[in-house]
Amino acid sequence: MKKFLFFLILLLFLLYSAAWAVDLNAPAEKKVTVGSEIRRGTSAITDASLNIKGTDHLGRLQAFSAVFDRNQQANTDTQAFRLGASLGALISLDVTLNLAAQNPNSMFYPAREIQLVEVDAKDYFKEVRKIQKELNIDDQTLIQATPFKPDLLKASLYRWDKKSK
């Protein structure tokens, strides 16, 4: 009788544990949100920047373009991703432009390259504002969705708003 009771309890335990087992063949879904896509875009640009020397301005522009191209080819270039990537590129290029303005005669900031950086920065800013409007995202919400320091990002967006008028 004790053996029977032991096997019955063991059988019930095994059935109970099987009910809680995870089906390893079940499809896994990753939840994608506007916020996660914005962060993915800024992260992709940041990663691209890490592989470029600080004074390789044309290399940086090419690396940023490659980020957009890869995601377009992979069909993962959502509007929110493009918003985050455009914002990340704008902030990176804005830093370069500020450093170039502080060091106008430096050989590290050739005038022709800085002009190209400024053209691309303007394009990225226009893209940020266009996608923001399409997604109905205000500046405060956008700032909260990024890893950038809020005050610095606000100041940068304000400067670009003034430049674009």
C-alpha atoms as a PDB file:
ATOM      1  CA  MET A   1       0.000   0.000   0.000  1.00  0.00           C
ATOM      2  CA  LYS A   2       2.849   2.393   0.794  1.00  0.00           C
ATOM      3  CA  LYS A   3       4.428   1.711  -2.605  1.00  0.00           C
ATOM      4  CA  PHE A   4       1.143   2.385  -4.358  1.00  0.00           C
ATOM      5  CA  LEU A   5       0.650   5.651  -2.462  1.00  0.00           C
ATOM      6  CA  PHE A   6       4.258   6.678  -3.227  1.00  0.00           C
ATOM      7  CA  PHE A   7       3.802   6.012  -6.972  1.00  0.00           C
ATOM      8  CA  LEU A   8       0.454   7.802  -7.008  1.00  0.00           C
ATOM      9  CA  ILE A   9       1.986  10.912  -5.397  1.00  0.00           C
ATOM     10  CA  LEU A  10       4.967  10.704  -7.743  1.00  0.00           C
ATOM     11  CA  LEU A  11       2.631  10.419 -10.753  1.00  0.00           C
ATOM     12  CA  LEU A  12       0.554  13.402  -9.613  1.00  0.00           C
ATOM     13  CA  PHE A  13       3.719  15.435  -9.038  1.00  0.00           C
ATOM     14  CA  LEU A  14       5.020  14.601 -12.530  1.00  0.00           C
ATOM     15  CA  LEU A  15       1.677  15.510 -14.140  1.00  0.00           C
ATOM     16  CA  TYR A  16       1.568  18.757 -12.182  1.00  0.00           C
ATOM     17  CA  SER A  17       5.126  19.702 -13.145  1.00  0.00           C
ATOM     18  CA  ALA A  18       4.482  18.846 -16.808  1.00  0.00           C
ATOM     19  CA  ALA A  19       1.613  21.308 -16.848  1.00  0.00           C
ATOM     20  CA  TRP A  20       4.024  24.094 -15.887  1.00  0.00           C
ATOM     21  CA  ALA A  21       6.776  23.106 -18.338  1.00  0.00           C
ATOM     22  CA  VAL A  22       7.681  25.571 -21.067  1.00  0.00           C
ATOM     23  CA  ASP A  23       7.134  24.497 -24.653  1.00  0.00           C
ATOM     24  CA  LEU A  24      10.561  25.102 -26.187  1.00  0.00           C
ATOM     25  CA  ASN A  25       9.079  24.868 -29.683  1.00  0.00           C
ATOM     26  CA  ALA A  26       6.612  27.685 -29.074  1.00  0.00           C
ATOM     27  CA  PRO A  27       7.325  30.851 -31.072  1.00  0.00           C
ATOM     28  CA  ALA A  28       8.931  33.624 -29.068  1.00  0.00           C
ATOM     29  CA  GLU A  29       7.736  37.154 -29.537  1.00  0.00           C
ATOM     30  CA  LYS A  30       9.660  40.241 -28.675  1.00  0.00           C
ATOM     31  CA  LYS A  31       7.535  43.197 -27.789  1.00  0.00           C
ATOM     32  CA  VAL A  32       8.466  46.162 -29.958  1.00  0.00           C
ATOM     33  CA  THR A  33       7.332  49.600 -28.865  1.00  0.00           C
ATOM     34  CA  VAL A  34       7.879  53.097 -30.182  1.00  0.00           C
ATOM     35  CA  GLY A  35      10.158  53.758 -27.227  1.00  0.00           C
ATOM     36  CA  SER A  36      12.198  50.595 -27.748  1.00  0.00           C
ATOM     37  CA  GLU A  37      12.595  51.410 -31.444  1.00  0.00           C
ATOM     38  CA  ILE A  38      13.747  54.953 -30.671  1.00  0.00           C
ATOM     39  CA  ARG A  39      16.321  53.552 -28.248  1.00  0.00           C
ATOM     40  CA  ARG A  40      17.377  50.943 -30.821  1.00  0.00           C
ATOM     41  CA  GLY A  41      17.946  53.710 -33.362  1.00  0.00           C
ATOM     42  CA  THR A  42      20.011  55.880 -31.027  1.00  0.00           C
ATOM     43  CA  SER A  43      21.973  52.824 -29.931  1.00  0.00           C
ATOM     44  CA  ALA A  44      22.741  51.812 -33.530  1.00  0.00           C
ATOM     45  CA  ILE A  45      24.144  55.270 -34.255  1.00  0.00           C
ATOM     46  CA  THR A  46      26.144  55.287 -31.023  1.00  0.00           C
ATOM     47  CA  ASP A  47      27.610  51.881 -31.881  1.00  0.00           C
ATOM     48  CA  ALA A  48      28.544  53.115 -35.367  1.00  0.00           C
ATOM     49  CA  SER A  49      30.241  56.173 -33.821  1.00  0.00           C
ATOM     50  CA  LEU A  50      32.382  54.033 -31.552  1.00  0.00           C
ATOM     51  CA  ASN A  51      34.102  52.455 -34.544  1.00  0.00           C
ATOM     52  CA  ILE A  52      35.085  55.789 -36.129  1.00  0.00           C
ATOM     53  CA  LYS A  53      38.018  57.985 -35.176  1.00  0.00           C
ATOM     54  CA  GLY A  54      36.962  61.326 -33.715  1.00  0.00           C
ATOM     55  CA  THR A  55      38.418  63.318 -36.590  1.00  0.00           C
ATOM     56  CA  ASP A  56      37.149  61.056 -39.390  1.00  0.00           C
ATOM     57  CA  HIS A  57      34.126  63.199 -40.160  1.00  0.00           C
ATOM     58  CA  LEU A  58      33.423  61.674 -43.577  1.00  0.00           C
ATOM     59  CA  GLY A  59      33.773  58.186 -42.112  1.00  0.00           C
ATOM     60  CA  ARG A  60      31.200  59.080 -39.473  1.00  0.00           C
ATOM     61  CA  LEU A  61      28.758  60.292 -42.141  1.00  0.00           C
ATOM     62  CA  GLN A  62      29.238  57.043 -44.073  1.00  0.00           C
ATOM     63  CA  ALA A  63      28.806  54.934 -40.938  1.00  0.00           C
ATOM     64  CA  PHE A  64      25.537  56.683 -40.140  1.00  0.00           C
ATOM     65  CA  SER A  65      24.269  56.120 -43.680  1.00  0.00           C
ATOM     66  CA  ALA A  66      25.221  52.451 -43.380  1.00  0.00           C
ATOM     67  CA  VAL A  67      23.059  52.112 -40.244  1.00  0.00           C
ATOM     68  CA  PHE A  68      20.021  53.362 -42.151  1.00  0.00           C
ATOM     69  CA  ASP A  69      20.848  51.183 -45.186  1.00  0.00           C
ATOM     70  CA  ARG A  70      21.270  47.985 -43.125  1.00  0.00           C
ATOM     71  CA  ASN A  71      17.968  48.465 -41.364  1.00  0.00           C
ATOM     72  CA  GLN A  72      16.167  49.296 -44.588  1.00  0.00           C
ATOM     73  CA  GLN A  73      17.560  46.153 -46.239  1.00  0.00           C
ATOM     74  CA  ALA A  74      16.551  44.053 -43.230  1.00  0.00           C
ATOM     75  CA  ASN A  75      13.102  45.705 -43.297  1.00  0.00           C
ATOM     76  CA  THR A  76      13.530  46.796 -39.686  1.00  0.00           C
ATOM     77  CA  ASP A  77      13.584  50.536 -40.345  1.00  0.00           C
ATOM     78  CA  THR A  78      10.409  51.506 -38.568  1.00  0.00           C
ATOM     79  CA  GLN A  79       9.529  55.177 -38.273  1.00  0.00           C
ATOM     80  CA  ALA A  80      10.456  55.112 -34.604  1.00  0.00           C
ATOM     81  CA  PHE A  81      13.817  53.520 -35.399  1.00  0.00           C
ATOM     82  CA  ARG A  82      14.497  56.186 -38.025  1.00  0.00           C
ATOM     83  CA  LEU A  83      13.484  58.857 -35.508  1.00  0.00           C
ATOM     84  CA  GLY A  84      15.925  57.544 -32.905  1.00  0.00           C
ATOM     85  CA  ALA A  85      18.719  57.036 -35.414  1.00  0.00           C
ATOM     86  CA  SER A  86      18.202  60.483 -36.960  1.00  0.00           C
ATOM     87  CA  LEU A  87      18.222  62.068 -33.529  1.00  0.00           C
ATOM     88  CA  GLY A  88      21.344  60.141 -32.541  1.00  0.00           C
ATOM     89  CA  ALA A  89      23.099  61.216 -35.734  1.00  0.00           C
ATOM     90  CA  LEU A  90      22.013  64.826 -35.228  1.00  0.00           C
ATOM     91  CA  ILE A  91      23.373  64.924 -31.681  1.00  0.00           C
ATOM     92  CA  SER A  92      26.681  63.368 -32.728  1.00  0.00           C
ATOM     93  CA  LEU A  93      27.104  65.776 -35.620  1.00  0.00           C
ATOM     94  CA  ASP A  94      26.019  68.705 -33.438  1.00  0.00           C
ATOM     95  CA  VAL A  95      28.904  67.953 -31.080  1.00  0.00           C
ATOM     96  CA  THR A  96      31.298  67.952 -34.026  1.00  0.00           C
ATOM     97  CA  LEU A  97      29.917  71.257 -35.295  1.00  0.00           C
ATOM     98  CA  ASN A  98      30.240  72.850 -31.850  1.00  0.00           C
ATOM     99  CA  LEU A  99      33.849  71.689 -31.541  1.00  0.00           C
ATOM    100  CA  ALA A 100      34.623  72.974 -35.041  1.00  0.00           C
ATOM    101  CA  ALA A 101      33.124  76.368 -34.147  1.00  0.00           C
ATOM    102  CA  GLN A 102      35.292  76.537 -31.022  1.00  0.00           C
ATOM    103  CA  ASN A 103      38.411  75.629 -33.038  1.00  0.00           C
ATOM    104  CA  PRO A 104      37.923  77.363 -36.399  1.00  0.00           C
ATOM    105  CA  ASN A 105      41.563  77.131 -37.520  1.00  0.00           C
ATOM    106  CA  SER A 106      42.167  73.563 -36.415  1.00  0.00           C
ATOM    107  CA  MET A 107      43.471  71.090 -38.967  1.00  0.00           C
ATOM    108  CA  PHE A 108      41.141  68.523 -37.361  1.00  0.00           C
ATOM    109  CA  TYR A 109      38.093  70.353 -38.680  1.00  0.00           C
ATOM    110  CA  PRO A 110      38.645  71.016 -42.409  1.00  0.00           C
ATOM    111  CA  ALA A 111      36.116  73.541 -43.691  1.00  0.00           C
ATOM    112  CA  ARG A 112      34.864  71.344 -46.556  1.00  0.00           C
ATOM    113  CA  GLU A 113      34.247  68.369 -44.273  1.00  0.00           C
ATOM    114  CA  ILE A 114      32.503  70.529 -41.697  1.00  0.00           C
ATOM    115  CA  GLN A 115      30.222  71.881 -44.432  1.00  0.00           C
ATOM    116  CA  LEU A 116      29.238  68.312 -45.306  1.00  0.00           C
ATOM    117  CA  VAL A 117      28.667  67.536 -41.638  1.00  0.00           C
ATOM    118  CA  GLU A 118      26.399  70.578 -41.358  1.00  0.00           C
ATOM    119  CA  VAL A 119      24.397  69.588 -44.444  1.00  0.00           C
ATOM    120  CA  ASP A 120      23.830  66.097 -43.057  1.00  0.00           C
ATOM    121  CA  ALA A 121      22.971  67.471 -39.603  1.00  0.00           C
ATOM    122  CA  LYS A 122      20.314  69.720 -41.175  1.00  0.00           C
ATOM    123  CA  ASP A 123      18.879  66.741 -43.042  1.00  0.00           C
ATOM    124  CA  TYR A 124      18.784  64.646 -39.867  1.00  0.00           C
ATOM    125  CA  PHE A 125      17.080  67.487 -37.998  1.00  0.00           C
ATOM    126  CA  LYS A 126      14.427  67.795 -40.715  1.00  0.00           C
ATOM    127  CA  GLU A 127      13.891  64.030 -40.570  1.00  0.00           C
ATOM    128  CA  VAL A 128      13.504  64.146 -36.770  1.00  0.00           C
ATOM    129  CA  ARG A 129      10.856  66.853 -36.984  1.00  0.00           C
ATOM    130  CA  LYS A 130       9.050  65.143 -39.875  1.00  0.00           C
ATOM    131  CA  ILE A 131       8.812  61.782 -38.101  1.00  0.00           C
ATOM    132  CA  GLN A 132       7.929  63.436 -34.793  1.00  0.00           C
ATOM    133  CA  LYS A 133       4.981  65.053 -36.527  1.00  0.00           C
ATOM    134  CA  GLU A 134       3.921  61.792 -38.207  1.00  0.00           C
ATOM    135  CA  LEU A 135       4.082  59.873 -34.928  1.00  0.00           C
ATOM    136  CA  ASN A 136       2.616  62.764 -32.927  1.00  0.00           C
ATOM    137  CA  ILE A 137       5.521  62.761 -30.465  1.00  0.00           C
ATOM    138  CA  ASP A 138       6.285  66.008 -28.657  1.00  0.00           C
ATOM    139  CA  ASP A 139       9.779  67.024 -27.573  1.00  0.00           C
ATOM    140  CA  GLN A 140       9.239  66.046 -23.951  1.00  0.00           C
ATOM    141  CA  THR A 141       8.159  62.517 -24.874  1.00  0.00           C
ATOM    142  CA  LEU A 142      11.045  62.201 -27.313  1.00  0.00           C
ATOM    143  CA  ILE A 143      13.516  63.368 -24.691  1.00  0.00           C
ATOM    144  CA  GLN A 144      12.215  60.783 -22.225  1.00  0.00           C
ATOM    145  CA  ALA A 145      12.654  58.019 -24.812  1.00  0.00           C
ATOM    146  CA  THR A 146      16.339  58.725 -25.392  1.00  0.00           C
ATOM    147  CA  PRO A 147      19.478  58.122 -23.352  1.00  0.00           C
ATOM    148  CA  PHE A 148      20.599  61.726 -23.842  1.00  0.00           C
ATOM    149  CA  LYS A 149      20.774  64.266 -21.035  1.00  0.00           C
ATOM    150  CA  PRO A 150      17.422  66.089 -21.154  1.00  0.00           C
ATOM    151  CA  ASP A 151      18.767  69.634 -20.761  1.00  0.00           C
ATOM    152  CA  LEU A 152      21.432  69.172 -23.418  1.00  0.00           C
ATOM    153  CA  LEU A 153      18.978  67.598 -25.840  1.00  0.00           C
ATOM    154  CA  LYS A 154      16.448  70.398 -25.279  1.00  0.00           C
ATOM    155  CA  ALA A 155      19.131  72.994 -25.920  1.00  0.00           C
ATOM    156  CA  SER A 156      20.290  71.235 -29.072  1.00  0.00           C
ATOM    157  CA  LEU A 157      16.767  70.925 -30.473  1.00  0.00           C
ATOM    158  CA  TYR A 158      16.119  74.582 -29.652  1.00  0.00           C
ATOM    159  CA  ARG A 159      19.300  75.644 -31.486  1.00  0.00           C
ATOM    160  CA  TRP A 160      18.381  73.577 -34.538  1.00  0.00           C
ATOM    161  CA  ASP A 161      14.845  74.973 -34.528  1.00  0.00           C
ATOM    162  CA  LYS A 162      16.325  78.469 -34.627  1.00  0.00           C
ATOM    163  CA  LYS A 163      18.818  77.507 -37.368  1.00  0.00           C
ATOM    164  CA  SER A 164      16.176  75.971 -39.566  1.00  0.00           C
ATOM    165  CA  LYS A 165      13.968  79.069 -39.661  1.00  0.00           C
END
